[in-house]
C-alpha atoms as a PDB file:
ATOM      1  CA  MET A   1      41.287  27.180   7.946  1.00  0.00           C
ATOM      2  CA  LYS A   2      39.839  25.533   4.882  1.00  0.00           C
ATOM      3  CA  THR A   3      36.118  25.101   4.578  1.00  0.00           C
ATOM      4  CA  SER A   4      34.415  22.476   2.418  1.00  0.00           C
ATOM      5  CA  ARG A   5      32.281  23.554  -0.437  1.00  0.00           C
ATOM      6  CA  THR A   6      28.954  21.736  -0.908  1.00  0.00           C
ATOM      7  CA  SER A   7      26.621  21.990  -3.827  1.00  0.00           C
ATOM      8  CA  GLN A   8      23.466  23.855  -3.148  1.00  0.00           C
ATOM      9  CA  THR A   9      20.045  22.708  -4.234  1.00  0.00           C
ATOM     10  CA  PRO A  10      18.647  25.394  -6.504  1.00  0.00           C
ATOM     11  CA  THR A  11      15.543  27.098  -5.195  1.00  0.00           C
ATOM     12  CA  PRO A  12      12.895  29.122  -7.032  1.00  0.00           C
ATOM     13  CA  ASN A  13      11.827  32.597  -6.101  1.00  0.00           C
ATOM     14  CA  SER A  14       9.317  32.676  -3.279  1.00  0.00           C
ATOM     15  CA  SER A  15       7.395  35.163  -1.196  1.00  0.00           C
ATOM     16  CA  PRO A  16       8.214  35.824   2.442  1.00  0.00           C
ATOM     17  CA  GLN A  17       5.048  33.874   3.415  1.00  0.00           C
ATOM     18  CA  GLY A  18       5.467  30.973   1.023  1.00  0.00           C
ATOM     19  CA  GLY A  19       8.009  28.600  -0.406  1.00  0.00           C
ATOM     20  CA  GLY A  20       7.293  29.008  -4.065  1.00  0.00           C
ATOM     21  CA  GLU A  21       4.725  28.028  -6.645  1.00  0.00           C
ATOM     22  CA  ILE A  22       4.146  24.400  -7.636  1.00  0.00           C
ATOM     23  CA  ALA A  23       5.184  24.954 -11.271  1.00  0.00           C
ATOM     24  CA  ASP A  24       8.380  26.733 -10.288  1.00  0.00           C
ATOM     25  CA  LEU A  25       9.343  24.111  -7.749  1.00  0.00           C
ATOM     26  CA  LEU A  26       8.794  21.291 -10.246  1.00  0.00           C
ATOM     27  CA  ARG A  27      10.654  23.085 -13.006  1.00  0.00           C
ATOM     28  CA  THR A  28      13.631  23.839 -10.858  1.00  0.00           C
ATOM     29  CA  ALA A  29      13.819  20.281  -9.444  1.00  0.00           C
ATOM     30  CA  LYS A  30      13.436  18.730 -12.873  1.00  0.00           C
ATOM     31  CA  ARG A  31      16.300  20.807 -14.242  1.00  0.00           C
ATOM     32  CA  ALA A  32      18.567  19.924 -11.326  1.00  0.00           C
ATOM     33  CA  LEU A  33      17.804  16.174 -11.675  1.00  0.00           C
ATOM     34  CA  GLU A  34      18.404  16.413 -15.453  1.00  0.00           C
ATOM     35  CA  ASN A  35      21.797  17.863 -14.759  1.00  0.00           C
ATOM     36  CA  LYS A  36      22.552  14.701 -12.752  1.00  0.00           C
ATOM     37  CA  ASN A  37      21.490  12.472 -15.677  1.00  0.00           C
ATOM     38  CA  ASN A  38      18.492  11.280 -13.747  1.00  0.00           C
ATOM     39  CA  PRO A  39      16.445   9.045 -16.126  1.00  0.00           C
ATOM     40  CA  THR A  40      13.038  10.119 -14.709  1.00  0.00           C
ATOM     41  CA  PRO A  41      13.455  13.720 -13.555  1.00  0.00           C
ATOM     42  CA  ALA A  42       9.882  14.885 -13.923  1.00  0.00           C
ATOM     43  CA  LEU A  43       8.456  11.818 -12.139  1.00  0.00           C
ATOM     44  CA  ASP A  44      10.927  12.061  -9.273  1.00  0.00           C
ATOM     45  CA  ALA A  45      10.283  15.748  -8.808  1.00  0.00           C
ATOM     46  CA  ARG A  46       6.514  15.197  -8.688  1.00  0.00           C
ATOM     47  CA  LEU A  47       6.697  12.330  -6.275  1.00  0.00           C
ATOM     48  CA  LEU A  48       8.962  14.249  -3.937  1.00  0.00           C
ATOM     49  CA  LEU A  49       6.712  17.319  -4.033  1.00  0.00           C
ATOM     50  CA  GLN A  50       3.616  15.215  -3.404  1.00  0.00           C
ATOM     51  CA  HIS A  51       5.386  13.694  -0.341  1.00  0.00           C
ATOM     52  CA  ALA A  52       6.529  17.072   0.956  1.00  0.00           C
ATOM     53  CA  THR A  53       3.119  18.757   0.577  1.00  0.00           C
ATOM     54  CA  GLY A  54       0.661  15.924   1.023  1.00  0.00           C
ATOM     55  CA  LEU A  55      -0.978  16.993  -2.200  1.00  0.00           C
ATOM     56  CA  SER A  56      -2.195  14.510  -4.780  1.00  0.00           C
ATOM     57  CA  ARG A  57      -0.915  14.300  -8.356  1.00  0.00           C
ATOM     58  CA  GLU A  58      -4.241  15.718  -9.500  1.00  0.00           C
ATOM     59  CA  ALA A  59      -3.913  18.705  -7.179  1.00  0.00           C
ATOM     60  CA  LEU A  60      -0.492  19.523  -8.492  1.00  0.00           C
ATOM     61  CA  ILE A  61      -1.706  19.476 -12.044  1.00  0.00           C
ATOM     62  CA  ALA A  62      -4.918  21.393 -11.343  1.00  0.00           C
ATOM     63  CA  ASP A  63      -3.293  24.334  -9.655  1.00  0.00           C
ATOM     64  CA  PRO A  64       0.289  24.905 -10.830  1.00  0.00           C
ATOM     65  CA  ASP A  65       0.330  28.493  -9.602  1.00  0.00           C
ATOM     66  CA  ARG A  66      -0.521  27.493  -6.056  1.00  0.00           C
ATOM     67  CA  GLU A  67       1.902  28.816  -3.466  1.00  0.00           C
ATOM     68  CA  ILE A  68       3.429  26.103  -1.267  1.00  0.00           C
ATOM     69  CA  PRO A  69       3.950  26.821   2.466  1.00  0.00           C
ATOM     70  CA  ALA A  70       7.540  27.539   3.380  1.00  0.00           C
ATOM     71  CA  ALA A  71       7.779  24.507   5.714  1.00  0.00           C
ATOM     72  CA  ALA A  72       6.654  22.158   2.919  1.00  0.00           C
ATOM     73  CA  ALA A  73       9.083  23.755   0.470  1.00  0.00           C
ATOM     74  CA  ARG A  74      11.940  23.217   2.949  1.00  0.00           C
ATOM     75  CA  ARG A  75      10.953  19.531   3.131  1.00  0.00           C
ATOM     76  CA  PHE A  76      10.835  19.332  -0.572  1.00  0.00           C
ATOM     77  CA  HIS A  77      14.305  20.887  -1.010  1.00  0.00           C
ATOM     78  CA  ASP A  78      15.676  18.458   1.578  1.00  0.00           C
ATOM     79  CA  PHE A  79      14.149  15.532  -0.323  1.00  0.00           C
ATOM     80  CA  LEU A  80      15.567  16.878  -3.547  1.00  0.00           C
ATOM     81  CA  ARG A  81      19.044  17.227  -2.034  1.00  0.00           C
ATOM     82  CA  ARG A  82      18.913  13.598  -0.963  1.00  0.00           C
ATOM     83  CA  ARG A  83      17.798  12.520  -4.459  1.00  0.00           C
ATOM     84  CA  LEU A  84      20.564  14.480  -6.062  1.00  0.00           C
ATOM     85  CA  ALA A  85      23.029  12.672  -3.785  1.00  0.00           C
ATOM     86  CA  GLY A  86      21.804   9.376  -5.165  1.00  0.00           C
ATOM     87  CA  GLU A  87      19.280   8.186  -2.567  1.00  0.00           C
ATOM     88  CA  PRO A  88      16.390   6.294  -4.277  1.00  0.00           C
ATOM     89  CA  VAL A  89      12.985   7.965  -4.297  1.00  0.00           C
ATOM     90  CA  SER A  90      11.476   4.990  -2.527  1.00  0.00           C
ATOM     91  CA  ARG A  91      13.929   5.376   0.372  1.00  0.00           C
ATOM     92  CA  ILE A  92      13.119   9.067   0.681  1.00  0.00           C
ATOM     93  CA  LEU A  93       9.374   8.393   0.607  1.00  0.00           C
ATOM     94  CA  GLY A  94       9.805   5.431   3.006  1.00  0.00           C
ATOM     95  CA  TYR A  95       7.712   3.042   0.973  1.00  0.00           C
ATOM     96  CA  ARG A  96       7.574   1.088  -2.252  1.00  0.00           C
ATOM     97  CA  GLU A  97       4.486   0.188  -4.288  1.00  0.00           C
ATOM     98  CA  PHE A  98       4.453  -3.599  -4.841  1.00  0.00           C
ATOM     99  CA  TYR A  99       1.702  -5.585  -6.483  1.00  0.00           C
ATOM    100  CA  GLY A 100      -0.791  -2.792  -5.930  1.00  0.00           C
ATOM    101  CA  ARG A 101       0.070  -2.241  -2.263  1.00  0.00           C
ATOM    102  CA  ARG A 102       2.301   0.222  -0.423  1.00  0.00           C
ATOM    103  CA  PHE A 103       5.048  -1.449   1.664  1.00  0.00           C
ATOM    104  CA  ASN A 104       6.915   0.495   4.256  1.00  0.00           C
ATOM    105  CA  LEU A 105      10.656   0.257   4.015  1.00  0.00           C
ATOM    106  CA  ALA A 106      13.422   0.200   6.678  1.00  0.00           C
ATOM    107  CA  PRO A 107      17.197   0.477   6.359  1.00  0.00           C
ATOM    108  CA  ALA A 108      17.368  -3.219   7.130  1.00  0.00           C
ATOM    109  CA  THR A 109      15.147  -4.278   4.269  1.00  0.00           C
ATOM    110  CA  LEU A 110      15.713  -4.769   0.587  1.00  0.00           C
ATOM    111  CA  ASP A 111      13.731  -2.374  -1.557  1.00  0.00           C
ATOM    112  CA  PRO A 112      11.348  -4.759  -3.336  1.00  0.00           C
ATOM    113  CA  ARG A 113      11.561  -4.469  -7.081  1.00  0.00           C
ATOM    114  CA  PRO A 114       8.883  -5.022  -9.788  1.00  0.00           C
ATOM    115  CA  ASP A 115      10.781  -8.163 -10.930  1.00  0.00           C
ATOM    116  CA  THR A 116       9.789  -9.910  -7.761  1.00  0.00           C
ATOM    117  CA  GLU A 117       6.125  -9.583  -8.721  1.00  0.00           C
ATOM    118  CA  THR A 118       6.958 -12.468 -11.158  1.00  0.00           C
ATOM    119  CA  LEU A 119       7.423 -14.676  -8.070  1.00  0.00           C
ATOM    120  CA  ILE A 120       3.996 -13.580  -6.758  1.00  0.00           C
ATOM    121  CA  GLU A 121       2.326 -14.540 -10.042  1.00  0.00           C
ATOM    122  CA  ALA A 122       4.074 -17.941 -10.007  1.00  0.00           C
ATOM    123  CA  ALA A 123       3.097 -18.710  -6.406  1.00  0.00           C
ATOM    124  CA  LEU A 124      -0.556 -17.591  -6.856  1.00  0.00           C
ATOM    125  CA  SER A 125      -1.076 -20.055  -9.703  1.00  0.00           C
ATOM    126  CA  PHE A 126      -0.635 -22.830  -7.126  1.00  0.00           C
ATOM    127  CA  MET A 127      -2.686 -21.290  -4.354  1.00  0.00           C
ATOM    128  CA  PRO A 128      -6.415 -21.891  -5.043  1.00  0.00           C
ATOM    129  CA  ILE A 129      -8.387 -18.995  -3.506  1.00  0.00           C
ATOM    130  CA  ASP A 130     -10.772 -21.385  -1.713  1.00  0.00           C
ATOM    131  CA  GLN A 131      -8.127 -23.702  -0.184  1.00  0.00           C
ATOM    132  CA  ALA A 132      -5.775 -23.515   2.751  1.00  0.00           C
ATOM    133  CA  CYS A 133      -2.092 -23.220   1.874  1.00  0.00           C
ATOM    134  CA  ARG A 134       0.976 -23.082   4.168  1.00  0.00           C
ATOM    135  CA  ILE A 135       3.917 -21.107   2.837  1.00  0.00           C
ATOM    136  CA  ILE A 136       7.374 -20.094   3.957  1.00  0.00           C
ATOM    137  CA  ASP A 137       8.872 -16.800   2.891  1.00  0.00           C
ATOM    138  CA  LEU A 138      12.629 -17.141   3.483  1.00  0.00           C
ATOM    139  CA  GLY A 139      14.474 -13.832   3.936  1.00  0.00           C
ATOM    140  CA  THR A 140      11.248 -11.892   3.979  1.00  0.00           C
ATOM    141  CA  GLY A 141      12.637  -8.324   4.420  1.00  0.00           C
ATOM    142  CA  THR A 142       9.616  -6.024   4.121  1.00  0.00           C
ATOM    143  CA  GLY A 143       7.350  -9.039   3.924  1.00  0.00           C
ATOM    144  CA  ALA A 144       6.376  -8.068   0.401  1.00  0.00           C
ATOM    145  CA  ILE A 145       6.173 -11.684  -0.786  1.00  0.00           C
ATOM    146  CA  GLY A 146       4.438 -13.259   2.252  1.00  0.00           C
ATOM    147  CA  VAL A 147       2.069 -10.386   2.997  1.00  0.00           C
ATOM    148  CA  THR A 148       1.070  -9.995  -0.612  1.00  0.00           C
ATOM    149  CA  LEU A 149       0.198 -13.716  -0.934  1.00  0.00           C
ATOM    150  CA  LEU A 150      -1.818 -13.671   2.282  1.00  0.00           C
ATOM    151  CA  ALA A 151      -3.692 -10.594   1.151  1.00  0.00           C
ATOM    152  CA  GLU A 152      -4.505 -12.278  -2.143  1.00  0.00           C
ATOM    153  CA  ARG A 153      -5.418 -15.651  -0.597  1.00  0.00           C
ATOM    154  CA  PRO A 154      -7.597 -15.369   2.549  1.00  0.00           C
ATOM    155  CA  LYS A 155      -7.173 -19.032   3.563  1.00  0.00           C
ATOM    156  CA  ALA A 156      -3.364 -19.117   3.310  1.00  0.00           C
ATOM    157  CA  SER A 157      -0.966 -18.816   6.247  1.00  0.00           C
ATOM    158  CA  ALA A 158       2.721 -17.928   6.180  1.00  0.00           C
ATOM    159  CA  VAL A 159       5.932 -18.207   8.142  1.00  0.00           C
ATOM    160  CA  MET A 160       8.292 -15.338   7.366  1.00  0.00           C
ATOM    161  CA  THR A 161      11.920 -15.494   8.341  1.00  0.00           C
ATOM    162  CA  ASP A 162      14.835 -13.108   8.309  1.00  0.00           C
ATOM    163  CA  ILE A 163      18.211 -12.862  10.032  1.00  0.00           C
ATOM    164  CA  SER A 164      17.477  -9.259  10.893  1.00  0.00           C
ATOM    165  CA  ALA A 165      15.181  -8.339  13.787  1.00  0.00           C
ATOM    166  CA  ASP A 166      14.656  -4.928  12.268  1.00  0.00           C
ATOM    167  CA  ALA A 167      13.598  -6.432   8.962  1.00  0.00           C
ATOM    168  CA  LEU A 168      11.110  -8.722  10.746  1.00  0.00           C
ATOM    169  CA  ALA A 169       9.691  -5.715  12.540  1.00  0.00           C
ATOM    170  CA  SER A 170       9.124  -4.074   9.155  1.00  0.00           C
ATOM    171  CA  ALA A 171       7.459  -7.236   7.861  1.00  0.00           C
ATOM    172  CA  ARG A 172       5.219  -7.415  10.884  1.00  0.00           C
ATOM    173  CA  GLU A 173       4.262  -3.739  10.444  1.00  0.00           C
ATOM    174  CA  ASN A 174       3.281  -4.403   6.849  1.00  0.00           C
ATOM    175  CA  ALA A 175       1.358  -7.547   7.809  1.00  0.00           C
ATOM    176  CA  THR A 176      -0.607  -5.456  10.311  1.00  0.00           C
ATOM    177  CA  LEU A 177      -1.188  -2.765   7.784  1.00  0.00           C
ATOM    178  CA  TYR A 178      -2.946  -5.197   5.477  1.00  0.00           C
ATOM    179  CA  GLY A 179      -4.750  -7.180   8.175  1.00  0.00           C
ATOM    180  CA  VAL A 180      -2.935 -10.500   7.739  1.00  0.00           C
ATOM    181  CA  GLU A 181      -0.885 -10.608  10.941  1.00  0.00           C
ATOM    182  CA  GLY A 182      -3.209 -13.209  12.374  1.00  0.00           C
ATOM    183  CA  ARG A 183      -2.167 -15.639   9.697  1.00  0.00           C
ATOM    184  CA  SER A 184       1.527 -14.785   9.924  1.00  0.00           C
ATOM    185  CA  SER A 185       4.408 -16.060  11.984  1.00  0.00           C
ATOM    186  CA  PHE A 186       7.772 -14.296  12.185  1.00  0.00           C
ATOM    187  CA  ILE A 187      10.951 -16.118  12.943  1.00  0.00           C
ATOM    188  CA  GLU A 188      14.372 -14.491  13.352  1.00  0.00           C
ATOM    189  CA  GLY A 189      17.077 -16.775  12.047  1.00  0.00           C
ATOM    190  CA  SER A 190      18.986 -17.989   9.025  1.00  0.00           C
ATOM    191  CA  TRP A 191      16.938 -19.750   6.415  1.00  0.00           C
ATOM    192  CA  PHE A 192      15.093 -22.644   8.001  1.00  0.00           C
ATOM    193  CA  ALA A 193      16.362 -22.187  11.562  1.00  0.00           C
ATOM    194  CA  GLY A 194      13.477 -22.384  14.094  1.00  0.00           C
ATOM    195  CA  ILE A 195      10.883 -23.580  11.612  1.00  0.00           C
ATOM    196  CA  GLY A 196       8.803 -26.695  12.182  1.00  0.00           C
ATOM    197  CA  GLY A 197       6.260 -28.471  10.120  1.00  0.00           C
ATOM    198  CA  ARG A 198       5.552 -29.122   6.486  1.00  0.00           C
ATOM    199  CA  PHE A 199       4.567 -26.525   3.874  1.00  0.00           C
ATOM    200  CA  ASP A 200       2.952 -26.363   0.483  1.00  0.00           C
ATOM    201  CA  LEU A 201       5.183 -23.635  -0.902  1.00  0.00           C
ATOM    202  CA  ILE A 202       8.677 -22.600   0.057  1.00  0.00           C
ATOM    203  CA  LEU A 203       9.461 -19.199  -1.498  1.00  0.00           C
ATOM    204  CA  SER A 204      12.432 -16.928  -1.555  1.00  0.00           C
ATOM    205  CA  ASN A 205      14.054 -13.969  -3.254  1.00  0.00           C
ATOM    206  CA  PRO A 206      17.522 -14.697  -1.825  1.00  0.00           C
ATOM    207  CA  PRO A 207      20.749 -12.748  -2.171  1.00  0.00           C
ATOM    208  CA  TYR A 208      22.199 -13.723  -5.563  1.00  0.00           C
ATOM    209  CA  ILE A 209      24.872 -11.169  -6.370  1.00  0.00           C
ATOM    210  CA  PRO A 210      28.433 -12.563  -6.441  1.00  0.00           C
ATOM    211  CA  SER A 211      30.502 -10.955  -3.656  1.00  0.00           C
ATOM    212  CA  ALA A 212      33.107  -9.608  -6.083  1.00  0.00           C
ATOM    213  CA  ILE A 213      30.478  -7.673  -8.058  1.00  0.00           C
ATOM    214  CA  LEU A 214      28.896  -5.799  -5.076  1.00  0.00           C
ATOM    215  CA  LYS A 215      31.230  -2.819  -5.428  1.00  0.00           C
ATOM    216  CA  SER A 216      30.264  -2.327  -9.051  1.00  0.00           C
ATOM    217  CA  LEU A 217      26.506  -2.183  -8.403  1.00  0.00           C
ATOM    218  CA  SER A 218      24.783   1.152  -8.960  1.00  0.00           C
ATOM    219  CA  PRO A 219      25.052   3.519  -5.949  1.00  0.00           C
ATOM    220  CA  GLU A 220      21.250   3.362  -5.468  1.00  0.00           C
ATOM    221  CA  VAL A 221      21.576  -0.361  -4.749  1.00  0.00           C
ATOM    222  CA  ARG A 222      25.077  -0.581  -3.287  1.00  0.00           C
ATOM    223  CA  ASP A 223      24.704   2.313  -0.833  1.00  0.00           C
ATOM    224  CA  PHE A 224      21.100   1.835   0.313  1.00  0.00           C
ATOM    225  CA  ASP A 225      20.126  -1.867   0.200  1.00  0.00           C
ATOM    226  CA  PRO A 226      21.580  -3.960   3.063  1.00  0.00           C
ATOM    227  CA  VAL A 227      24.576  -6.034   1.974  1.00  0.00           C
ATOM    228  CA  SER A 228      23.082  -9.109   3.660  1.00  0.00           C
ATOM    229  CA  ALA A 229      20.164  -8.959   1.191  1.00  0.00           C
ATOM    230  CA  LEU A 230      22.536  -8.718  -1.835  1.00  0.00           C
ATOM    231  CA  ASP A 231      25.607 -10.859  -1.189  1.00  0.00           C
ATOM    232  CA  GLY A 232      25.108 -14.406  -2.462  1.00  0.00           C
ATOM    233  CA  GLY A 233      28.698 -15.526  -1.831  1.00  0.00           C
ATOM    234  CA  ARG A 234      31.576 -16.129  -4.162  1.00  0.00           C
ATOM    235  CA  ASP A 235      29.397 -17.202  -7.137  1.00  0.00           C
ATOM    236  CA  GLY A 236      26.116 -15.759  -5.963  1.00  0.00           C
ATOM    237  CA  LEU A 237      24.627 -19.236  -5.487  1.00  0.00           C
ATOM    238  CA  ASP A 238      25.316 -20.067  -1.830  1.00  0.00           C
ATOM    239  CA  PRO A 239      21.716 -19.332  -0.763  1.00  0.00           C
ATOM    240  CA  TYR A 240      20.330 -21.715  -3.375  1.00  0.00           C
ATOM    241  CA  ARG A 241      22.625 -24.523  -2.111  1.00  0.00           C
ATOM    242  CA  LYS A 242      21.261 -24.007   1.388  1.00  0.00           C
ATOM    243  CA  ILE A 243      17.626 -23.906   0.323  1.00  0.00           C
ATOM    244  CA  ALA A 244      17.947 -26.947  -1.932  1.00  0.00           C
ATOM    245  CA  ALA A 245      19.687 -28.997   0.772  1.00  0.00           C
ATOM    246  CA  GLU A 246      17.207 -28.193   3.557  1.00  0.00           C
ATOM    247  CA  ALA A 247      13.879 -27.751   1.819  1.00  0.00           C
ATOM    248  CA  PRO A 248      13.014 -31.482   1.588  1.00  0.00           C
ATOM    249  CA  ALA A 249      12.619 -31.647   5.357  1.00  0.00           C
ATOM    250  CA  PHE A 250       9.916 -28.928   5.218  1.00  0.00           C
ATOM    251  CA  LEU A 251       7.933 -29.738   2.095  1.00  0.00           C
ATOM    252  CA  ALA A 252       4.521 -31.338   2.176  1.00  0.00           C
ATOM    253  CA  PRO A 253       4.175 -34.410  -0.075  1.00  0.00           C
ATOM    254  CA  GLN A 254       3.141 -32.262  -3.018  1.00  0.00           C
ATOM    255  CA  GLY A 255       5.018 -29.212  -1.951  1.00  0.00           C
ATOM    256  CA  ARG A 256       6.993 -26.963  -4.271  1.00  0.00           C
ATOM    257  CA  VAL A 257       9.903 -24.538  -4.078  1.00  0.00           C
ATOM    258  CA  ILE A 258       9.903 -21.309  -6.061  1.00  0.00           C
ATOM    259  CA  VAL A 259      12.907 -18.982  -6.045  1.00  0.00           C
ATOM    260  CA  GLU A 260      13.790 -15.725  -7.705  1.00  0.00           C
ATOM    261  CA  ILE A 261      17.115 -15.799  -9.573  1.00  0.00           C
ATOM    262  CA  GLY A 262      19.552 -13.419 -11.269  1.00  0.00           C
ATOM    263  CA  GLU A 263      20.205 -13.046 -14.969  1.00  0.00           C
ATOM    264  CA  GLY A 264      21.992 -16.096 -16.432  1.00  0.00           C
ATOM    265  CA  GLN A 265      21.840 -18.231 -13.279  1.00  0.00           C
ATOM    266  CA  ALA A 266      19.016 -20.601 -14.307  1.00  0.00           C
ATOM    267  CA  LEU A 267      21.053 -23.625 -15.463  1.00  0.00           C
ATOM    268  CA  GLU A 268      23.399 -23.599 -12.520  1.00  0.00           C
ATOM    269  CA  ILE A 269      20.545 -23.299 -10.033  1.00  0.00           C
ATOM    270  CA  GLU A 270      18.594 -26.096 -11.691  1.00  0.00           C
ATOM    271  CA  GLY A 271      21.714 -28.239 -11.311  1.00  0.00           C
ATOM    272  CA  ILE A 272      21.956 -27.426  -7.610  1.00  0.00           C
ATOM    273  CA  PHE A 273      18.375 -28.505  -7.015  1.00  0.00           C
ATOM    274  CA  GLN A 274      18.692 -31.640  -9.128  1.00  0.00           C
ATOM    275  CA  THR A 275      21.614 -32.869  -7.015  1.00  0.00           C
ATOM    276  CA  GLN A 276      19.340 -32.580  -3.963  1.00  0.00           C
ATOM    277  CA  GLY A 277      16.519 -34.711  -5.498  1.00  0.00           C
ATOM    278  CA  PHE A 278      14.440 -32.050  -7.186  1.00  0.00           C
ATOM    279  CA  ARG A 279      13.144 -31.753 -10.725  1.00  0.00           C
ATOM    280  CA  GLN A 280      12.675 -28.400 -12.447  1.00  0.00           C
ATOM    281  CA  GLU A 281       8.996 -27.851 -13.184  1.00  0.00           C
ATOM    282  CA  GLY A 282       8.589 -24.229 -14.022  1.00  0.00           C
ATOM    283  CA  ARG A 283      10.297 -21.081 -15.436  1.00  0.00           C
ATOM    284  CA  TRP A 284       8.821 -17.677 -15.260  1.00  0.00           C
ATOM    285  CA  LYS A 285      10.024 -14.571 -17.142  1.00  0.00           C
ATOM    286  CA  ASP A 286       9.882 -10.978 -15.976  1.00  0.00           C
ATOM    287  CA  LEU A 287       8.607  -8.075 -18.055  1.00  0.00           C
ATOM    288  CA  ALA A 288      12.050  -7.696 -19.711  1.00  0.00           C
ATOM    289  CA  GLY A 289      11.887 -11.268 -20.933  1.00  0.00           C
ATOM    290  CA  GLN A 290      14.559 -12.592 -18.504  1.00  0.00           C
ATOM    291  CA  THR A 291      14.024 -15.849 -16.661  1.00  0.00           C
ATOM    292  CA  ARG A 292      13.302 -14.519 -13.129  1.00  0.00           C
ATOM    293  CA  CYS A 293      11.811 -17.455 -11.179  1.00  0.00           C
ATOM    294  CA  LEU A 294      12.304 -21.207 -11.088  1.00  0.00           C
ATOM    295  CA  GLY A 295       9.971 -23.818  -9.629  1.00  0.00           C
ATOM    296  CA  PHE A 296      10.970 -27.196  -8.289  1.00  0.00           C
ATOM    297  CA  ALA A 297       9.299 -30.376  -7.036  1.00  0.00           C
ATOM    298  CA  GLN A 298      10.868 -33.351  -5.386  1.00  0.00           C
ATOM    299  CA  ILE A 299      11.454 -36.289  -7.781  1.00  0.00           C
ATOM    300  CA  GLY A 300       8.409 -38.561  -7.356  1.00  0.00           C
ATOM    301  CA  ALA A 301       5.985 -35.831  -6.472  1.00  0.00           C
ATOM    302  CA  ARG A 302       2.991 -35.641  -8.782  1.00  0.00           C
ATOM    303  CA  GLN A 303       2.995 -32.701 -11.142  1.00  0.00           C
ATOM    304  CA  LYS A 304       0.533 -29.998 -10.150  1.00  0.00           C
ATOM    305  CA  ARG A 305      -1.736 -28.180 -12.523  1.00  0.00           C
ATOM    306  CA  GLY A 306      -0.554 -24.708 -13.297  1.00  0.00           C
ATOM    307  CA  TRP A 307       3.162 -25.318 -13.692  1.00  0.00           C
ATOM    308  CA  LYS A 308       4.383 -23.843 -16.918  1.00  0.00           C
END
């Protein structure tokens, strides 16, 4: 009978009582990750060892000869095995740092990226800290957008929607973690389904990857982010058509829509909103210099201060 051969995660020498010294564990892990062409082998190794041991970065640096307990070393080797197989560090850790806060992840949620912090900056510029503001976060996932804005603006309130009950549970968990659940509502449904009332800001980081491209995405995205959070339809623009068509019924008189977009999509999305009676009022670039967010107001609405 044939048996399958699986690659073994290299392990450093260890004593019977321990799982190896910090320096040896990091060195071995870094070498294994380098052999997989990992772009950040030292960082990944350190984050995984911190998670496995509960030690801080400072503790790892201060005592590199420290012997790690065997149980912690086994956890570390399991984490390393998963990373070598392509699982993102954030998925292994179970959280992602976003706008200075730690958001718990779930299999049903998109892993929030730093690019989406551009949307946060755009929204905050129209949310005075001393004024009430009602927002919708469409397709909330972890709640990174809605929860962050509520944490930054104590007089704001948010409705967060998602088609996934599991994603909404994650968003609610994160809202509770940062003490904003009392100003949050969670609605399971597609886009505006189940929402009532008028809002100052309608926000979304919708799926914007064309369906045909999904298979060519990097394994870290393709195999670990939910397809429903990636697939934007044939041309990647279906969610924008839906948002542009339905948003007018939910906007306050001076309300605005801000959406995250993919590279090269700005002109087409601006056209979609223009056909629904919107004018484009703002563009925001991410740290790489790509247009990442667009802002829209209904034609006839007075221009607000802060739009760029």
